Protein backbone atom coordinates (compact mmCIF):
# COMPACT_ATOMS: atom_id res chain seq x y z
CA MET A 1 -13.80 -93.30 -32.38
CA ARG A 2 -14.28 -89.82 -33.78
CA ALA A 3 -18.07 -90.22 -33.68
CA LEU A 4 -17.87 -91.26 -30.00
CA ARG A 5 -15.89 -88.12 -29.13
CA HIS A 6 -18.38 -86.05 -31.09
CA LYS A 7 -21.32 -87.55 -29.09
CA LYS A 8 -19.49 -86.96 -25.77
CA PHE A 9 -18.80 -83.34 -26.73
CA TRP A 10 -22.46 -82.63 -27.55
CA GLY A 11 -23.65 -84.51 -24.47
CA LEU A 12 -21.31 -82.50 -22.24
CA LEU A 13 -22.37 -79.26 -23.90
CA GLY A 14 -26.04 -80.13 -23.34
CA LEU A 15 -25.36 -80.99 -19.69
CA LEU A 16 -23.53 -77.68 -19.15
CA GLY A 17 -26.45 -75.85 -20.75
CA LEU A 18 -28.90 -77.59 -18.44
CA VAL A 19 -26.79 -76.74 -15.35
CA ALA A 20 -26.50 -73.10 -16.48
CA TRP A 21 -30.26 -72.87 -17.00
CA GLY A 22 -30.98 -74.41 -13.59
CA SER A 23 -28.53 -72.02 -11.91
CA TRP A 24 -30.12 -69.05 -13.64
CA ARG A 25 -33.58 -70.11 -12.41
CA TRP A 26 -32.31 -70.65 -8.87
CA VAL A 27 -30.39 -67.35 -8.64
CA GLY A 28 -33.40 -65.62 -10.15
CA GLY A 29 -35.00 -65.97 -6.72
CA ARG A 30 -37.43 -68.82 -7.20
CA PRO A 31 -37.22 -72.53 -7.90
CA SER A 32 -38.10 -73.77 -11.36
CA GLY A 33 -41.84 -73.65 -12.06
CA ALA A 34 -42.67 -71.12 -9.31
CA PRO A 35 -44.70 -68.13 -10.48
CA ALA A 36 -43.14 -64.68 -10.48
CA ALA A 37 -44.27 -62.32 -7.72
CA ALA A 38 -47.33 -60.36 -8.82
CA GLU A 39 -47.16 -56.59 -8.78
CA MET A 40 -48.97 -54.99 -5.87
CA ALA A 41 -51.67 -52.37 -6.36
CA TRP A 42 -50.80 -49.51 -4.01
CA GLN A 43 -53.53 -47.23 -2.69
CA GLY A 44 -51.12 -44.32 -2.44
CA GLU A 45 -47.74 -43.60 -3.99
CA ALA A 46 -45.83 -46.72 -5.08
CA PRO A 47 -42.48 -47.38 -3.37
CA GLN A 48 -39.23 -46.44 -5.08
CA ARG A 49 -37.44 -49.65 -4.05
CA ARG A 50 -38.44 -53.31 -3.63
CA VAL A 51 -36.02 -55.69 -1.88
CA THR A 52 -36.46 -59.44 -2.34
CA GLU A 53 -33.10 -60.64 -0.97
CA ALA A 54 -34.47 -62.90 1.78
CA VAL A 55 -31.60 -62.69 4.29
CA GLU A 56 -31.47 -58.88 4.07
CA VAL A 57 -35.23 -58.56 4.68
CA PHE A 58 -35.09 -61.07 7.57
CA LYS A 59 -32.09 -59.33 9.20
CA LYS A 60 -33.67 -55.86 9.06
CA ALA A 61 -37.00 -57.20 10.33
CA PHE A 62 -35.76 -59.30 13.28
CA TRP A 63 -32.38 -57.62 14.01
CA ARG A 64 -30.55 -60.93 13.59
CA LEU A 65 -29.46 -63.33 10.87
CA PRO A 66 -31.57 -66.41 10.14
CA GLY A 67 -30.39 -69.56 11.89
CA ALA A 68 -29.58 -72.86 10.23
CA GLY A 69 -33.11 -74.14 10.97
CA ASP A 70 -34.97 -71.06 9.68
CA GLN A 71 -36.45 -71.52 6.21
CA ILE A 72 -37.48 -68.24 4.55
CA VAL A 73 -40.35 -69.02 2.16
CA HIS A 74 -41.09 -65.44 1.00
CA ALA A 75 -39.58 -62.05 1.81
CA GLU A 76 -40.27 -58.57 0.47
CA ARG A 77 -39.42 -55.09 1.69
CA PHE A 78 -40.71 -51.85 0.17
CA GLU A 79 -39.06 -48.46 0.66
CA TRP A 80 -40.19 -44.91 -0.05
CA SER A 81 -37.57 -42.15 -0.22
CA ASP A 82 -37.15 -38.50 -1.01
CA ALA A 83 -34.10 -36.29 -1.51
CA GLY A 84 -33.35 -36.48 2.22
CA GLY A 85 -33.37 -40.32 2.37
CA LEU A 86 -35.72 -43.07 3.56
CA THR A 87 -39.16 -41.76 4.57
CA LYS A 88 -41.28 -44.92 4.87
CA LEU A 89 -40.89 -48.70 4.74
CA ARG A 90 -43.01 -51.87 4.87
CA TRP A 91 -41.85 -55.48 4.91
CA PHE A 92 -43.43 -58.94 4.75
CA LEU A 93 -42.04 -62.37 5.65
CA GLU A 94 -43.23 -65.96 5.54
CA VAL A 95 -40.91 -68.27 7.48
CA LYS A 96 -40.79 -71.86 8.66
CA PRO A 97 -39.14 -70.92 11.97
CA SER A 98 -36.66 -72.94 13.97
CA PRO A 99 -37.43 -73.58 17.66
CA GLU A 100 -34.77 -70.96 18.49
CA LEU A 101 -36.50 -68.28 16.41
CA LEU A 102 -39.89 -69.15 17.90
CA LYS A 103 -38.44 -68.85 21.40
CA TYR A 104 -36.84 -65.49 20.55
CA LEU A 105 -39.98 -64.00 19.01
CA ARG A 106 -42.86 -65.64 20.87
CA ASP A 107 -41.63 -66.94 24.23
CA ASP A 108 -38.93 -64.33 25.00
CA ASN A 109 -41.11 -61.68 23.27
CA ALA A 110 -38.03 -59.86 21.97
CA PHE A 111 -40.05 -56.91 20.67
CA GLY A 112 -42.43 -56.49 23.64
CA LEU A 113 -45.60 -57.32 21.71
CA ALA A 114 -49.09 -57.92 23.09
CA PRO A 115 -51.52 -60.68 22.05
CA ALA A 116 -53.69 -59.50 19.16
CA ALA A 117 -57.44 -59.63 19.72
CA GLU A 118 -58.02 -59.83 15.95
CA VAL A 119 -55.57 -60.98 13.30
CA ARG A 120 -55.99 -59.77 9.75
CA PRO A 121 -53.50 -59.01 7.00
CA PRO A 122 -52.88 -55.42 5.89
CA ASP A 123 -54.88 -54.14 2.91
CA GLU A 124 -51.71 -53.62 0.87
CA ARG A 125 -49.73 -56.86 0.82
CA PRO A 126 -48.11 -59.36 -1.54
CA ALA A 127 -50.39 -62.09 -2.95
CA TRP A 128 -48.56 -64.80 -0.97
CA PHE A 129 -49.24 -63.09 2.41
CA GLN A 130 -52.49 -65.00 3.04
CA PHE A 131 -53.92 -66.96 5.96
CA GLN A 132 -57.25 -67.85 7.52
CA ALA A 133 -57.95 -65.72 10.59
CA ASP A 134 -59.38 -68.69 12.54
CA GLU A 135 -56.17 -70.72 12.01
CA VAL A 136 -53.69 -68.23 13.45
CA LYS A 137 -52.70 -66.44 16.63
CA GLY A 138 -51.02 -63.09 16.58
CA MET A 139 -48.92 -60.64 18.55
CA GLN A 140 -48.59 -56.98 17.70
CA SER A 141 -47.13 -53.66 18.77
CA PRO A 142 -49.49 -51.05 20.30
CA GLY A 143 -50.08 -49.26 17.00
CA GLY A 144 -50.12 -52.47 14.97
CA GLN A 145 -47.03 -51.52 12.93
CA LEU A 146 -45.35 -54.84 13.81
CA GLN A 147 -47.35 -58.09 13.62
CA LEU A 148 -46.23 -61.67 14.18
CA ILE A 149 -48.79 -64.26 13.07
CA PHE A 150 -48.33 -67.94 13.95
CA ARG A 151 -50.09 -70.77 12.13
CA GLU A 152 -49.70 -73.95 14.16
CA ARG A 153 -50.97 -76.55 11.67
CA ASP A 154 -47.92 -76.22 9.42
CA GLN A 155 -45.57 -74.30 11.75
CA THR A 156 -45.56 -71.14 9.66
CA LEU A 157 -44.78 -67.61 10.79
CA PHE A 158 -46.14 -64.62 8.89
CA ALA A 159 -44.66 -61.28 9.91
CA THR A 160 -45.08 -57.72 8.74
CA GLY A 161 -43.84 -54.37 9.89
CA ALA A 162 -43.94 -50.73 8.88
CA GLY A 163 -41.91 -47.70 9.82
CA ARG A 164 -41.06 -44.15 8.96
CA GLY A 165 -37.29 -44.40 8.51
CA PHE A 166 -35.08 -42.05 10.48
CA GLN A 167 -36.86 -38.96 11.77
CA ARG A 168 -35.20 -35.78 10.64
CA GLY A 169 -34.58 -32.96 13.09
CA ALA A 170 -36.03 -29.49 12.63
CA PRO A 171 -34.13 -27.35 10.13
CA GLU A 172 -31.65 -24.90 11.61
CA PRO A 173 -32.99 -21.35 11.89
CA PRO A 174 -31.41 -18.82 9.55
CA PRO A 175 -28.59 -16.79 11.13
CA VAL A 176 -29.58 -13.46 12.63
CA GLN A 177 -28.22 -10.64 10.52
CA ALA A 178 -27.45 -7.33 12.14
CA GLY A 179 -28.87 -4.57 10.01
CA PRO A 180 -28.20 -0.87 10.09
CA SER A 181 -29.56 0.86 13.15
CA THR A 182 -32.70 2.78 12.53
CA PRO A 183 -33.14 6.21 14.06
CA GLY A 184 -35.48 6.30 16.98
CA ARG A 185 -36.43 8.68 19.76
CA LEU A 186 -33.22 8.09 21.69
CA PRO A 187 -29.80 9.07 20.37
CA ALA A 188 -27.40 6.30 19.35
CA ALA A 189 -24.67 7.51 21.77
CA ALA A 190 -24.84 8.25 25.49
CA PRO A 191 -24.99 11.95 26.49
CA PRO A 192 -21.71 13.61 27.49
CA ALA A 193 -20.77 13.39 31.14
CA PRO A 194 -21.39 16.62 33.14
CA PRO A 195 -18.27 18.67 34.07
CA ALA A 196 -16.74 17.90 37.42
CA PRO A 197 -17.70 20.43 40.20
CA PRO A 198 -15.01 23.01 41.17
CA ARG A 199 -12.99 22.39 44.28
């Protein structure tokens, strides 16, 4: 009887360990066996912050929360800052979109994009942000900062965007300081009034 309890105890302990390990792998941002995200080689200064929380990246990119049918496969956002705050950002998404998200982005054209004549990924991008140019159709903003790339064969949406953060206003001019008056050709006071004529 004691040996049976001892076996149950160790079996339960092993099961709890397995559950804890699986939870740690899942919360770590990738399912078991998936490779870690490779570091990107930046041509210029590397960003100060990298965000991989999928819902946060999706929400800031599309100005809405993902729907029940939206499956976020990959999400990364990079931010550059200085003492005054955010100066530059770039984000990347790979999503299996719901029909509602496709309608919002492609059919309703929520961001006022134009069809892209040529679709190619940015030079600086995560390793997973890959597609064949002849398999996709794209839409982009006039300067190309926002791109939506649709791959029909497996219903995948690749999206990327870049921005400059909030533009700061011009600094306030220094206050004008009144200094001592310097002597010039004219006197500082008005001349005395002439005497009134006799009556």
